[in-house]
Amino acid sequence: MGEHPAWAALAGEYVQVQKEGRTIRTGYVKDVVAAADALWLEACGVEPRTLYEKAHGYVVLPIRPSELGTV
């Protein structure tokens, strides 16, 4: 997929969280920790607020509005 964005730039963005090439979850980034090596996805429906860390192998990619389609 090319170059991965810096996590610090993803606060407030709608993203896709992947691990080992599989999509784990999508959602809005609520906050990024100061070191930019972990971020919080906000709660949505039955999915709780969740912390994802780079050290655990997660990759986070922004989703452009044109990729969202109609909800």
Protein backbone atom coordinates (compact mmCIF):
# COMPACT_ATOMS: atom_id res chain seq x y z
CA MET A 1 0.00 0.00 0.00
CA GLY A 2 2.98 2.27 -0.08
CA GLU A 3 4.08 4.65 2.63
CA HIS A 4 2.13 4.62 5.90
CA PRO A 5 1.09 8.00 7.34
CA ALA A 6 2.50 9.28 10.61
CA TRP A 7 0.01 8.43 13.33
CA ALA A 8 0.29 11.92 14.85
CA ALA A 9 -1.44 13.31 11.74
CA LEU A 10 -4.45 10.98 12.09
CA ALA A 11 -6.22 12.61 15.06
CA GLY A 12 -9.85 13.25 14.09
CA GLU A 13 -9.58 11.21 10.87
CA TYR A 14 -11.68 8.23 9.80
CA VAL A 15 -9.28 5.29 9.50
CA GLN A 16 -8.91 1.60 8.85
CA VAL A 17 -6.92 -0.45 11.39
CA GLN A 18 -5.10 -3.45 9.95
CA LYS A 19 -3.02 -6.25 11.36
CA GLU A 20 -1.16 -8.74 9.18
CA GLY A 21 -2.92 -7.34 6.11
CA ARG A 22 -6.44 -7.82 7.47
CA THR A 23 -8.82 -5.05 8.43
CA ILE A 24 -9.59 -5.25 12.15
CA ARG A 25 -11.79 -2.18 12.51
CA THR A 26 -12.68 1.19 11.04
CA GLY A 27 -13.52 4.35 12.97
CA TYR A 28 -12.53 7.83 14.02
CA VAL A 29 -9.24 8.47 15.81
CA LYS A 30 -10.12 10.10 19.11
CA ASP A 31 -6.56 10.76 20.27
CA VAL A 32 -2.93 9.94 19.50
CA VAL A 33 -0.43 9.51 22.36
CA ALA A 34 2.41 12.03 22.51
CA ALA A 35 5.02 9.59 21.15
CA ALA A 36 2.68 8.87 18.19
CA ASP A 37 3.16 5.12 18.64
CA ALA A 38 -0.38 4.43 19.83
CA LEU A 39 -3.83 5.85 19.20
CA TRP A 40 -7.36 5.60 20.51
CA LEU A 41 -10.30 4.80 18.24
CA GLU A 42 -13.51 6.26 19.63
CA ALA A 43 -16.41 4.05 20.65
CA CYS A 44 -19.02 3.37 17.99
CA GLY A 45 -22.12 1.20 18.45
CA VAL A 46 -21.09 -1.97 20.29
CA GLU A 47 -17.37 -1.33 19.67
CA PRO A 48 -15.71 0.20 22.76
CA ARG A 49 -13.05 2.91 22.74
CA THR A 50 -9.91 0.95 21.86
CA LEU A 51 -6.17 1.57 22.06
CA TYR A 52 -4.01 0.33 19.14
CA GLU A 53 -0.21 0.26 19.39
CA LYS A 54 2.37 0.08 16.59
CA ALA A 55 4.45 -2.27 18.73
CA HIS A 56 1.65 -4.85 18.50
CA GLY A 57 1.79 -4.84 14.69
CA TYR A 58 -1.13 -2.55 13.89
CA VAL A 59 -1.13 -0.41 10.75
CA VAL A 60 -3.54 2.52 10.52
CA LEU A 61 -4.56 3.99 7.17
CA PRO A 62 -6.80 7.00 6.54
CA ILE A 63 -9.98 6.43 4.57
CA ARG A 64 -10.80 9.20 2.10
CA PRO A 65 -14.44 10.40 2.03
CA SER A 66 -14.72 9.15 -1.56
CA GLU A 67 -13.95 5.61 -0.31
CA LEU A 68 -16.76 5.67 2.27
CA GLY A 69 -19.66 5.46 -0.17
CA THR A 70 -23.13 6.06 1.17
CA VAL A 71 -23.87 5.11 4.74
